[in-house]
């Protein structure tokens, strides 16, 4: 949480909007930054949809109505090779901000 003073009613995940830096989206000027979120999951067991679902759920739980996805990265080749050799697997990662934005007209 970025602010201990922020209190809001939880938002259902299906009502949480997603903005993606990789698509050229930016944070609207009147949004409040609520929390920093990090997601990580096994490369072979997760996809972008899984990440977005989880980020929407977590943002909604803290009362945020928007997720700004800063990055979503697959594991690199070296990480996959080492993970395969050691049997630990490789992870994909995402870093995001949970935001509370005013409704758009």
PDB file of N, CA and C in Angstrom:
ATOM      1  N   UNK A   1       0.846  -1.172   0.000  1.00  0.00           N
ATOM      2  CA  UNK A   1       0.000   0.000   0.000  1.00  0.00           C
ATOM      3  C   UNK A   1       0.893   1.237   0.000  1.00  0.00           C
ATOM      4  N   UNK A   2       0.516   2.198  -0.801  1.00  0.00           N
ATOM      5  CA  UNK A   2       1.285   3.436  -0.880  1.00  0.00           C
ATOM      6  C   UNK A   2       0.798   4.481   0.116  1.00  0.00           C
ATOM      7  N   UNK A   3      -0.452   4.365   0.540  1.00  0.00           N
ATOM      8  CA  UNK A   3      -0.995   5.317   1.500  1.00  0.00           C
ATOM      9  C   UNK A   3      -1.820   4.564   2.532  1.00  0.00           C
ATOM     10  N   UNK A   4      -1.478   4.727   3.785  1.00  0.00           N
ATOM     11  CA  UNK A   4      -2.236   4.094   4.852  1.00  0.00           C
ATOM     12  C   UNK A   4      -3.572   4.802   5.073  1.00  0.00           C
ATOM     13  N   UNK A   5      -3.721   6.004   4.505  1.00  0.00           N
ATOM     14  CA  UNK A   5      -4.952   6.776   4.650  1.00  0.00           C
ATOM     15  C   UNK A   5      -6.019   6.375   3.639  1.00  0.00           C
ATOM     16  N   UNK A   6      -5.647   5.626   2.622  1.00  0.00           N
ATOM     17  CA  UNK A   6      -6.597   5.266   1.575  1.00  0.00           C
ATOM     18  C   UNK A   6      -7.552   4.192   2.072  1.00  0.00           C
ATOM     19  N   UNK A   7      -8.834   4.491   2.003  1.00  0.00           N
ATOM     20  CA  UNK A   7      -9.864   3.516   2.370  1.00  0.00           C
ATOM     21  C   UNK A   7     -10.943   3.592   1.294  1.00  0.00           C
ATOM     22  N   UNK A   8     -11.284   2.455   0.717  1.00  0.00           N
ATOM     23  CA  UNK A   8     -12.328   2.417  -0.299  1.00  0.00           C
ATOM     24  C   UNK A   8     -13.018   1.060  -0.247  1.00  0.00           C
ATOM     25  N   UNK A   9     -14.233   1.033  -0.703  1.00  0.00           N
ATOM     26  CA  UNK A   9     -14.999  -0.202  -0.796  1.00  0.00           C
ATOM     27  C   UNK A   9     -14.355  -1.093  -1.858  1.00  0.00           C
ATOM     28  N   UNK A  10     -14.248  -2.387  -1.610  1.00  0.00           N
ATOM     29  CA  UNK A  10     -13.703  -3.281  -2.637  1.00  0.00           C
ATOM     30  C   UNK A  10     -14.471  -3.164  -3.954  1.00  0.00           C
ATOM     31  N   UNK A  11     -13.748  -3.391  -5.031  1.00  0.00           N
ATOM     32  CA  UNK A  11     -14.307  -3.303  -6.388  1.00  0.00           C
ATOM     33  C   UNK A  11     -14.301  -4.705  -6.995  1.00  0.00           C
ATOM     34  N   UNK A  12     -15.417  -5.161  -7.566  1.00  0.00           N
ATOM     35  CA  UNK A  12     -15.419  -6.479  -8.209  1.00  0.00           C
ATOM     36  C   UNK A  12     -14.382  -6.522  -9.332  1.00  0.00           C
ATOM     37  N   UNK A  13     -13.658  -7.629  -9.471  1.00  0.00           N
ATOM     38  CA  UNK A  13     -12.591  -7.724 -10.477  1.00  0.00           C
ATOM     39  C   UNK A  13     -13.041  -7.358 -11.889  1.00  0.00           C
ATOM     40  N   UNK A  14     -14.269  -7.719 -12.249  1.00  0.00           N
ATOM     41  CA  UNK A  14     -14.734  -7.433 -13.610  1.00  0.00           C
ATOM     42  C   UNK A  14     -14.965  -5.935 -13.839  1.00  0.00           C
ATOM     43  N   UNK A  15     -14.946  -5.142 -12.772  1.00  0.00           N
ATOM     44  CA  UNK A  15     -15.097  -3.692 -12.895  1.00  0.00           C
ATOM     45  C   UNK A  15     -13.765  -2.945 -12.811  1.00  0.00           C
ATOM     46  N   UNK A  16     -12.665  -3.686 -12.702  1.00  0.00           N
ATOM     47  CA  UNK A  16     -11.333  -3.081 -12.638  1.00  0.00           C
ATOM     48  C   UNK A  16     -10.786  -2.954 -14.060  1.00  0.00           C
ATOM     49  N   UNK A  17     -10.513  -1.732 -14.465  1.00  0.00           N
ATOM     50  CA  UNK A  17      -9.956  -1.464 -15.798  1.00  0.00           C
ATOM     51  C   UNK A  17      -8.473  -1.785 -15.827  1.00  0.00           C
ATOM     52  N   UNK A  18      -7.971  -2.087 -17.008  1.00  0.00           N
ATOM     53  CA  UNK A  18      -6.554  -2.381 -17.185  1.00  0.00           C
ATOM     54  C   UNK A  18      -5.956  -1.397 -18.186  1.00  0.00           C
ATOM     55  N   UNK A  19      -4.851  -0.773 -17.793  1.00  0.00           N
ATOM     56  CA  UNK A  19      -4.056   0.076 -18.672  1.00  0.00           C
ATOM     57  C   UNK A  19      -2.689  -0.578 -18.801  1.00  0.00           C
ATOM     58  N   UNK A  20      -2.112  -0.554 -20.000  1.00  0.00           N
ATOM     59  CA  UNK A  20      -0.814  -1.215 -20.214  1.00  0.00           C
ATOM     60  C   UNK A  20       0.187  -0.252 -20.834  1.00  0.00           C
ATOM     61  N   UNK A  21       1.312  -0.085 -20.146  1.00  0.00           N
ATOM     62  CA  UNK A  21       2.366   0.791 -20.649  1.00  0.00           C
ATOM     63  C   UNK A  21       2.848   0.318 -22.015  1.00  0.00           C
ATOM     64  N   UNK A  22       2.904  -0.989 -22.227  1.00  0.00           N
ATOM     65  CA  UNK A  22       3.402  -1.534 -23.497  1.00  0.00           C
ATOM     66  C   UNK A  22       2.509  -1.171 -24.676  1.00  0.00           C
ATOM     67  N   UNK A  23       1.263  -0.782 -24.403  1.00  0.00           N
ATOM     68  CA  UNK A  23       0.340  -0.377 -25.459  1.00  0.00           C
ATOM     69  C   UNK A  23       0.243   1.142 -25.573  1.00  0.00           C
ATOM     70  N   UNK A  24       1.092   1.851 -24.829  1.00  0.00           N
ATOM     71  CA  UNK A  24       1.108   3.308 -24.892  1.00  0.00           C
ATOM     72  C   UNK A  24       0.146   3.983 -23.934  1.00  0.00           C
ATOM     73  N   UNK A  25      -0.503   3.202 -23.067  1.00  0.00           N
ATOM     74  CA  UNK A  25      -1.406   3.805 -22.083  1.00  0.00           C
ATOM     75  C   UNK A  25      -0.587   4.579 -21.057  1.00  0.00           C
ATOM     76  N   UNK A  26      -1.211   5.570 -20.445  1.00  0.00           N
ATOM     77  CA  UNK A  26      -0.574   6.318 -19.363  1.00  0.00           C
ATOM     78  C   UNK A  26      -1.577   6.460 -18.225  1.00  0.00           C
ATOM     79  N   UNK A  27      -1.071   6.847 -17.068  1.00  0.00           N
ATOM     80  CA  UNK A  27      -1.929   7.004 -15.909  1.00  0.00           C
ATOM     81  C   UNK A  27      -2.705   8.310 -16.046  1.00  0.00           C
ATOM     82  N   UNK A  28      -4.034   8.251 -15.992  1.00  0.00           N
ATOM     83  CA  UNK A  28      -4.826   9.476 -16.054  1.00  0.00           C
ATOM     84  C   UNK A  28      -4.443  10.421 -14.907  1.00  0.00           C
ATOM     85  N   UNK A  29      -4.500  11.728 -15.140  1.00  0.00           N
ATOM     86  CA  UNK A  29      -3.996  12.693 -14.169  1.00  0.00           C
ATOM     87  C   UNK A  29      -4.713  12.724 -12.819  1.00  0.00           C
ATOM     88  N   UNK A  30      -5.979  12.375 -12.751  1.00  0.00           N
ATOM     89  CA  UNK A  30      -6.710  12.481 -11.493  1.00  0.00           C
ATOM     90  C   UNK A  30      -6.774  11.186 -10.694  1.00  0.00           C
ATOM     91  N   UNK A  31      -5.964  10.203 -11.050  1.00  0.00           N
ATOM     92  CA  UNK A  31      -5.977   8.924 -10.339  1.00  0.00           C
ATOM     93  C   UNK A  31      -5.092   8.988  -9.095  1.00  0.00           C
ATOM     94  N   UNK A  32      -5.503   8.252  -8.071  1.00  0.00           N
ATOM     95  CA  UNK A  32      -4.725   8.119  -6.843  1.00  0.00           C
ATOM     96  C   UNK A  32      -3.981   6.792  -6.899  1.00  0.00           C
ATOM     97  N   UNK A  33      -2.684   6.840  -6.658  1.00  0.00           N
ATOM     98  CA  UNK A  33      -1.892   5.604  -6.601  1.00  0.00           C
ATOM     99  C   UNK A  33      -2.162   4.933  -5.257  1.00  0.00           C
ATOM    100  N   UNK A  34      -2.659   3.708  -5.317  1.00  0.00           N
ATOM    101  CA  UNK A  34      -3.071   3.002  -4.110  1.00  0.00           C
ATOM    102  C   UNK A  34      -2.009   2.004  -3.644  1.00  0.00           C
ATOM    103  N   UNK A  35      -1.505   1.187  -4.554  1.00  0.00           N
ATOM    104  CA  UNK A  35      -0.576   0.132  -4.151  1.00  0.00           C
ATOM    105  C   UNK A  35       0.306  -0.283  -5.325  1.00  0.00           C
ATOM    106  N   UNK A  36       1.476  -0.804  -4.993  1.00  0.00           N
ATOM    107  CA  UNK A  36       2.370  -1.427  -5.971  1.00  0.00           C
ATOM    108  C   UNK A  36       2.090  -2.919  -5.912  1.00  0.00           C
ATOM    109  N   UNK A  37       1.945  -3.533  -7.074  1.00  0.00           N
ATOM    110  CA  UNK A  37       1.658  -4.966  -7.113  1.00  0.00           C
ATOM    111  C   UNK A  37       2.699  -5.667  -7.978  1.00  0.00           C
ATOM    112  N   UNK A  38       3.071  -6.852  -7.551  1.00  0.00           N
ATOM    113  CA  UNK A  38       4.010  -7.677  -8.304  1.00  0.00           C
ATOM    114  C   UNK A  38       3.384  -9.057  -8.451  1.00  0.00           C
ATOM    115  N   UNK A  39       3.413  -9.575  -9.668  1.00  0.00           N
ATOM    116  CA  UNK A  39       2.884 -10.926  -9.916  1.00  0.00           C
ATOM    117  C   UNK A  39       3.990 -11.763 -10.530  1.00  0.00           C
ATOM    118  N   UNK A  40       4.022 -13.017 -10.146  1.00  0.00           N
ATOM    119  CA  UNK A  40       5.018 -13.941 -10.673  1.00  0.00           C
ATOM    120  C   UNK A  40       4.364 -15.307 -10.776  1.00  0.00           C
ATOM    121  N   UNK A  41       4.685 -16.022 -11.846  1.00  0.00           N
ATOM    122  CA  UNK A  41       4.108 -17.347 -12.018  1.00  0.00           C
ATOM    123  C   UNK A  41       4.963 -18.192 -12.939  1.00  0.00           C
ATOM    124  N   UNK A  42       4.807 -19.484 -12.844  1.00  0.00           N
ATOM    125  CA  UNK A  42       5.580 -20.409 -13.665  1.00  0.00           C
ATOM    126  C   UNK A  42       5.343 -20.124 -15.142  1.00  0.00           C
ATOM    127  N   UNK A  43       6.418 -20.041 -15.885  1.00  0.00           N
ATOM    128  CA  UNK A  43       6.368 -19.729 -17.318  1.00  0.00           C
ATOM    129  C   UNK A  43       5.422 -20.660 -18.067  1.00  0.00           C
ATOM    130  N   UNK A  44       5.483 -21.939 -17.769  1.00  0.00           N
ATOM    131  CA  UNK A  44       4.693 -22.912 -18.510  1.00  0.00           C
ATOM    132  C   UNK A  44       3.270 -23.086 -17.977  1.00  0.00           C
ATOM    133  N   UNK A  45       2.963 -22.495 -16.819  1.00  0.00           N
ATOM    134  CA  UNK A  45       1.641 -22.699 -16.215  1.00  0.00           C
ATOM    135  C   UNK A  45       0.788 -21.429 -16.186  1.00  0.00           C
ATOM    136  N   UNK A  46       1.340 -20.299 -16.627  1.00  0.00           N
ATOM    137  CA  UNK A  46       0.580 -19.047 -16.601  1.00  0.00           C
ATOM    138  C   UNK A  46       0.665 -18.355 -17.955  1.00  0.00           C
ATOM    139  N   UNK A  47      -0.311 -17.495 -18.205  1.00  0.00           N
ATOM    140  CA  UNK A  47      -0.250 -16.652 -19.394  1.00  0.00           C
ATOM    141  C   UNK A  47      -0.677 -15.244 -19.006  1.00  0.00           C
ATOM    142  N   UNK A  48      -0.713 -14.350 -19.971  1.00  0.00           N
ATOM    143  CA  UNK A  48      -1.050 -12.963 -19.683  1.00  0.00           C
ATOM    144  C   UNK A  48      -2.450 -12.839 -19.084  1.00  0.00           C
ATOM    145  N   UNK A  49      -3.376 -13.644 -19.564  1.00  0.00           N
ATOM    146  CA  UNK A  49      -4.734 -13.616 -19.025  1.00  0.00           C
ATOM    147  C   UNK A  49      -4.778 -13.973 -17.554  1.00  0.00           C
ATOM    148  N   UNK A  50      -3.979 -14.969 -17.147  1.00  0.00           N
ATOM    149  CA  UNK A  50      -3.906 -15.347 -15.733  1.00  0.00           C
ATOM    150  C   UNK A  50      -3.409 -14.177 -14.896  1.00  0.00           C
ATOM    151  N   UNK A  51      -2.378 -13.491 -15.401  1.00  0.00           N
ATOM    152  CA  UNK A  51      -1.818 -12.359 -14.679  1.00  0.00           C
ATOM    153  C   UNK A  51      -2.848 -11.245 -14.535  1.00  0.00           C
ATOM    154  N   UNK A  52      -3.526 -10.917 -15.625  1.00  0.00           N
ATOM    155  CA  UNK A  52      -4.498  -9.823 -15.580  1.00  0.00           C
ATOM    156  C   UNK A  52      -5.655 -10.146 -14.632  1.00  0.00           C
ATOM    157  N   UNK A  53      -6.102 -11.389 -14.628  1.00  0.00           N
ATOM    158  CA  UNK A  53      -7.161 -11.802 -13.712  1.00  0.00           C
ATOM    159  C   UNK A  53      -6.720 -11.612 -12.273  1.00  0.00           C
ATOM    160  N   UNK A  54      -5.519 -12.075 -11.942  1.00  0.00           N
ATOM    161  CA  UNK A  54      -5.006 -11.963 -10.573  1.00  0.00           C
ATOM    162  C   UNK A  54      -4.802 -10.497 -10.181  1.00  0.00           C
ATOM    163  N   UNK A  55      -4.256  -9.689 -11.083  1.00  0.00           N
ATOM    164  CA  UNK A  55      -4.035  -8.276 -10.781  1.00  0.00           C
ATOM    165  C   UNK A  55      -5.357  -7.546 -10.557  1.00  0.00           C
ATOM    166  N   UNK A  56      -6.371  -7.862 -11.352  1.00  0.00           N
ATOM    167  CA  UNK A  56      -7.695  -7.256 -11.156  1.00  0.00           C
ATOM    168  C   UNK A  56      -8.269  -7.626  -9.789  1.00  0.00           C
ATOM    169  N   UNK A  57      -8.136  -8.895  -9.414  1.00  0.00           N
ATOM    170  CA  UNK A  57      -8.642  -9.351  -8.116  1.00  0.00           C
ATOM    171  C   UNK A  57      -7.950  -8.607  -6.976  1.00  0.00           C
ATOM    172  N   UNK A  58      -6.614  -8.547  -7.027  1.00  0.00           N
ATOM    173  CA  UNK A  58      -5.859  -7.915  -5.945  1.00  0.00           C
ATOM    174  C   UNK A  58      -6.120  -6.412  -5.872  1.00  0.00           C
ATOM    175  N   UNK A  59      -6.207  -5.749  -7.018  1.00  0.00           N
ATOM    176  CA  UNK A  59      -6.491  -4.319  -7.029  1.00  0.00           C
ATOM    177  C   UNK A  59      -7.875  -4.057  -6.447  1.00  0.00           C
ATOM    178  N   UNK A  60      -8.849  -4.837  -6.879  1.00  0.00           N
ATOM    179  CA  UNK A  60     -10.209  -4.671  -6.389  1.00  0.00           C
ATOM    180  C   UNK A  60     -10.336  -4.864  -4.888  1.00  0.00           C
ATOM    181  N   UNK A  61      -9.553  -5.794  -4.341  1.00  0.00           N
ATOM    182  CA  UNK A  61      -9.599  -6.055  -2.900  1.00  0.00           C
ATOM    183  C   UNK A  61      -9.220  -4.817  -2.084  1.00  0.00           C
ATOM    184  N   UNK A  62      -8.333  -3.987  -2.603  1.00  0.00           N
ATOM    185  CA  UNK A  62      -7.905  -2.790  -1.863  1.00  0.00           C
ATOM    186  C   UNK A  62      -8.675  -1.548  -2.288  1.00  0.00           C
ATOM    187  N   UNK A  63      -9.715  -1.719  -3.120  1.00  0.00           N
ATOM    188  CA  UNK A  63     -10.557  -0.606  -3.514  1.00  0.00           C
ATOM    189  C   UNK A  63     -10.099   0.143  -4.749  1.00  0.00           C
ATOM    190  N   UNK A  64      -9.129  -0.404  -5.466  1.00  0.00           N
ATOM    191  CA  UNK A  64      -8.677   0.229  -6.702  1.00  0.00           C
ATOM    192  C   UNK A  64      -9.604  -0.183  -7.842  1.00  0.00           C
ATOM    193  N   UNK A  65      -9.815   0.723  -8.788  1.00  0.00           N
ATOM    194  CA  UNK A  65     -10.678   0.399  -9.921  1.00  0.00           C
ATOM    195  C   UNK A  65      -9.919   0.352 -11.247  1.00  0.00           C
ATOM    196  N   UNK A  66      -8.590   0.493 -11.161  1.00  0.00           N
ATOM    197  CA  UNK A  66      -7.756   0.457 -12.358  1.00  0.00           C
ATOM    198  C   UNK A  66      -6.413  -0.169 -12.009  1.00  0.00           C
ATOM    199  N   UNK A  67      -5.878  -0.952 -12.944  1.00  0.00           N
ATOM    200  CA  UNK A  67      -4.528  -1.503 -12.825  1.00  0.00           C
ATOM    201  C   UNK A  67      -3.704  -0.941 -13.974  1.00  0.00           C
ATOM    202  N   UNK A  68      -2.558  -0.370 -13.656  1.00  0.00           N
ATOM    203  CA  UNK A  68      -1.622   0.104 -14.677  1.00  0.00           C
ATOM    204  C   UNK A  68      -0.466  -0.884 -14.716  1.00  0.00           C
ATOM    205  N   UNK A  69      -0.416  -1.701 -15.769  1.00  0.00           N
ATOM    206  CA  UNK A  69       0.627  -2.722 -15.907  1.00  0.00           C
ATOM    207  C   UNK A  69       1.863  -2.062 -16.507  1.00  0.00           C
ATOM    208  N   UNK A  70       2.906  -1.966 -15.689  1.00  0.00           N
ATOM    209  CA  UNK A  70       4.139  -1.327 -16.143  1.00  0.00           C
ATOM    210  C   UNK A  70       4.938  -2.244 -17.053  1.00  0.00           C
ATOM    211  N   UNK A  71       4.988  -3.508 -16.707  1.00  0.00           N
ATOM    212  CA  UNK A  71       5.670  -4.475 -17.568  1.00  0.00           C
ATOM    213  C   UNK A  71       5.152  -5.876 -17.288  1.00  0.00           C
ATOM    214  N   UNK A  72       5.313  -6.726 -18.282  1.00  0.00           N
ATOM    215  CA  UNK A  72       4.968  -8.135 -18.171  1.00  0.00           C
ATOM    216  C   UNK A  72       6.029  -8.868 -18.979  1.00  0.00           C
ATOM    217  N   UNK A  73       6.875  -9.606 -18.283  1.00  0.00           N
ATOM    218  CA  UNK A  73       8.033 -10.208 -18.946  1.00  0.00           C
ATOM    219  C   UNK A  73       8.022 -11.723 -18.832  1.00  0.00           C
ATOM    220  N   UNK A  74       8.302 -12.362 -19.949  1.00  0.00           N
ATOM    221  CA  UNK A  74       8.523 -13.802 -19.936  1.00  0.00           C
ATOM    222  C   UNK A  74       9.938 -14.063 -19.454  1.00  0.00           C
ATOM    223  N   UNK A  75      10.168 -15.280 -18.997  1.00  0.00           N
ATOM    224  CA  UNK A  75      11.517 -15.668 -18.586  1.00  0.00           C
ATOM    225  C   UNK A  75      12.432 -15.657 -19.801  1.00  0.00           C
ATOM    226  N   UNK A  76      13.656 -15.240 -19.595  1.00  0.00           N
ATOM    227  CA  UNK A  76      14.636 -15.231 -20.669  1.00  0.00           C
ATOM    228  C   UNK A  76      15.151 -16.631 -20.961  1.00  0.00           C
ATOM    229  N   UNK A  77      15.853 -16.770 -22.062  1.00  0.00           N
ATOM    230  CA  UNK A  77      16.384 -18.072 -22.471  1.00  0.00           C
ATOM    231  C   UNK A  77      17.297 -18.660 -21.401  1.00  0.00           C
ATOM    232  N   UNK A  78      18.197 -17.858 -20.858  1.00  0.00           N
ATOM    233  CA  UNK A  78      19.130 -18.362 -19.839  1.00  0.00           C
ATOM    234  C   UNK A  78      18.376 -18.853 -18.610  1.00  0.00           C
ATOM    235  N   UNK A  79      17.362 -18.097 -18.178  1.00  0.00           N
ATOM    236  CA  UNK A  79      16.581 -18.501 -17.009  1.00  0.00           C
ATOM    237  C   UNK A  79      15.851 -19.815 -17.278  1.00  0.00           C
ATOM    238  N   UNK A  80      15.343 -19.983 -18.500  1.00  0.00           N
ATOM    239  CA  UNK A  80      14.649 -21.223 -18.850  1.00  0.00           C
ATOM    240  C   UNK A  80      15.613 -22.416 -18.848  1.00  0.00           C
ATOM    241  N   UNK A  81      16.801 -22.218 -19.396  1.00  0.00           N
ATOM    242  CA  UNK A  81      17.797 -23.308 -19.448  1.00  0.00           C
ATOM    243  C   UNK A  81      18.222 -23.711 -18.045  1.00  0.00           C
ATOM    244  N   UNK A  82      18.573 -22.710 -17.231  1.00  0.00           N
ATOM    245  CA  UNK A  82      19.003 -23.002 -15.859  1.00  0.00           C
ATOM    246  C   UNK A  82      17.860 -23.640 -15.074  1.00  0.00           C
ATOM    247  N   UNK A  83      16.648 -23.100 -15.223  1.00  0.00           N
ATOM    248  CA  UNK A  83      15.495 -23.679 -14.540  1.00  0.00           C
ATOM    249  C   UNK A  83      15.234 -25.114 -14.954  1.00  0.00           C
ATOM    250  N   UNK A  84      15.440 -25.413 -16.245  1.00  0.00           N
ATOM    251  CA  UNK A  84      15.261 -26.773 -16.730  1.00  0.00           C
ATOM    252  C   UNK A  84      16.314 -27.713 -16.175  1.00  0.00           C
ATOM    253  N   UNK A  85      17.565 -27.248 -16.141  1.00  0.00           N
ATOM    254  CA  UNK A  85      18.657 -28.071 -15.621  1.00  0.00           C
ATOM    255  C   UNK A  85      18.512 -28.340 -14.127  1.00  0.00           C
ATOM    256  N   UNK A  86      18.080 -27.334 -13.389  1.00  0.00           N
ATOM    257  CA  UNK A  86      17.956 -27.476 -11.939  1.00  0.00           C
ATOM    258  C   UNK A  86      16.589 -27.995 -11.508  1.00  0.00           C
ATOM    259  N   UNK A  87      15.657 -28.065 -12.454  1.00  0.00           N
ATOM    260  CA  UNK A  87      14.319 -28.532 -12.130  1.00  0.00           C
ATOM    261  C   UNK A  87      13.487 -27.508 -11.372  1.00  0.00           C
ATOM    262  N   UNK A  88      13.909 -26.244 -11.413  1.00  0.00           N
ATOM    263  CA  UNK A  88      13.175 -25.206 -10.691  1.00  0.00           C
ATOM    264  C   UNK A  88      12.187 -24.469 -11.573  1.00  0.00           C
ATOM    265  N   UNK A  89      12.285 -24.645 -12.871  1.00  0.00           N
ATOM    266  CA  UNK A  89      11.394 -23.945 -13.784  1.00  0.00           C
ATOM    267  C   UNK A  89      11.788 -22.487 -13.936  1.00  0.00           C
ATOM    268  N   UNK A  90      11.028 -21.759 -14.724  1.00  0.00           N
ATOM    269  CA  UNK A  90      11.284 -20.342 -14.965  1.00  0.00           C
ATOM    270  C   UNK A  90       9.988 -19.577 -14.747  1.00  0.00           C
ATOM    271  N   UNK A  91      10.117 -18.350 -14.272  1.00  0.00           N
ATOM    272  CA  UNK A  91       8.943 -17.534 -13.969  1.00  0.00           C
ATOM    273  C   UNK A  91       8.789 -16.386 -14.950  1.00  0.00           C
ATOM    274  N   UNK A  92       7.538 -16.021 -15.196  1.00  0.00           N
ATOM    275  CA  UNK A  92       7.236 -14.757 -15.865  1.00  0.00           C
ATOM    276  C   UNK A  92       6.830 -13.801 -14.753  1.00  0.00           C
ATOM    277  N   UNK A  93       7.088 -12.517 -14.956  1.00  0.00           N
ATOM    278  CA  UNK A  93       6.859 -11.517 -13.920  1.00  0.00           C
ATOM    279  C   UNK A  93       6.100 -10.321 -14.456  1.00  0.00           C
ATOM    280  N   UNK A  94       5.435  -9.616 -13.547  1.00  0.00           N
ATOM    281  CA  UNK A  94       4.719  -8.398 -13.907  1.00  0.00           C
ATOM    282  C   UNK A  94       4.764  -7.436 -12.729  1.00  0.00           C
ATOM    283  N   UNK A  95       4.956  -6.155 -13.044  1.00  0.00           N
ATOM    284  CA  UNK A  95       4.882  -5.118 -12.028  1.00  0.00           C
ATOM    285  C   UNK A  95       3.809  -4.128 -12.441  1.00  0.00           C
ATOM    286  N   UNK A  96       2.971  -3.752 -11.479  1.00  0.00           N
ATOM    287  CA  UNK A  96       1.810  -2.921 -11.765  1.00  0.00           C
ATOM    288  C   UNK A  96       1.524  -1.969 -10.619  1.00  0.00           C
ATOM    289  N   UNK A  97       0.705  -0.976 -10.918  1.00  0.00           N
ATOM    290  CA  UNK A  97       0.190  -0.062  -9.899  1.00  0.00           C
ATOM    291  C   UNK A  97      -1.317  -0.230  -9.819  1.00  0.00           C
ATOM    292  N   UNK A  98      -1.833  -0.283  -8.600  1.00  0.00           N
ATOM    293  CA  UNK A  98      -3.278  -0.255  -8.393  1.00  0.00           C
ATOM    294  C   UNK A  98      -3.663   1.212  -8.224  1.00  0.00           C
ATOM    295  N   UNK A  99      -4.685   1.646  -8.948  1.00  0.00           N
ATOM    296  CA  UNK A  99      -5.100   3.047  -8.961  1.00  0.00           C
ATOM    297  C   UNK A  99      -6.579   3.180  -8.625  1.00  0.00           C
ATOM    298  N   UNK A 100      -6.933   4.305  -8.048  1.00  0.00           N
ATOM    299  CA  UNK A 100      -8.346   4.668  -7.875  1.00  0.00           C
ATOM    300  C   UNK A 100      -8.563   5.886  -8.762  1.00  0.00           C
ATOM    301  N   UNK A 101      -9.309   5.709  -9.839  1.00  0.00           N
ATOM    302  CA  UNK A 101      -9.527   6.775 -10.830  1.00  0.00           C
ATOM    303  C   UNK A 101     -10.980   7.232 -10.779  1.00  0.00           C
ATOM    304  N   UNK A 102     -11.208   8.527 -11.028  1.00  0.00           N
ATOM    305  CA  UNK A 102     -12.591   8.995 -11.067  1.00  0.00           C
ATOM    306  C   UNK A 102     -13.308   8.384 -12.275  1.00  0.00           C
ATOM    307  N   UNK A 103     -14.615   8.216 -12.169  1.00  0.00           N
ATOM    308  CA  UNK A 103     -15.358   7.653 -13.299  1.00  0.00           C
ATOM    309  C   UNK A 103     -15.239   8.552 -14.529  1.00  0.00           C
ATOM    310  N   UNK A 104     -15.193   7.933 -15.687  1.00  0.00           N
ATOM    311  CA  UNK A 104     -15.144   8.708 -16.925  1.00  0.00           C
ATOM    312  C   UNK A 104     -16.564   9.002 -17.373  1.00  0.00           C
ATOM    313  N   UNK A 105     -16.787  10.218 -17.870  1.00  0.00           N
ATOM    314  CA  UNK A 105     -18.155  10.588 -18.282  1.00  0.00           C
ATOM    315  C   UNK A 105     -18.607   9.845 -19.518  1.00  0.00           C
TER     316      UNK A 105
END
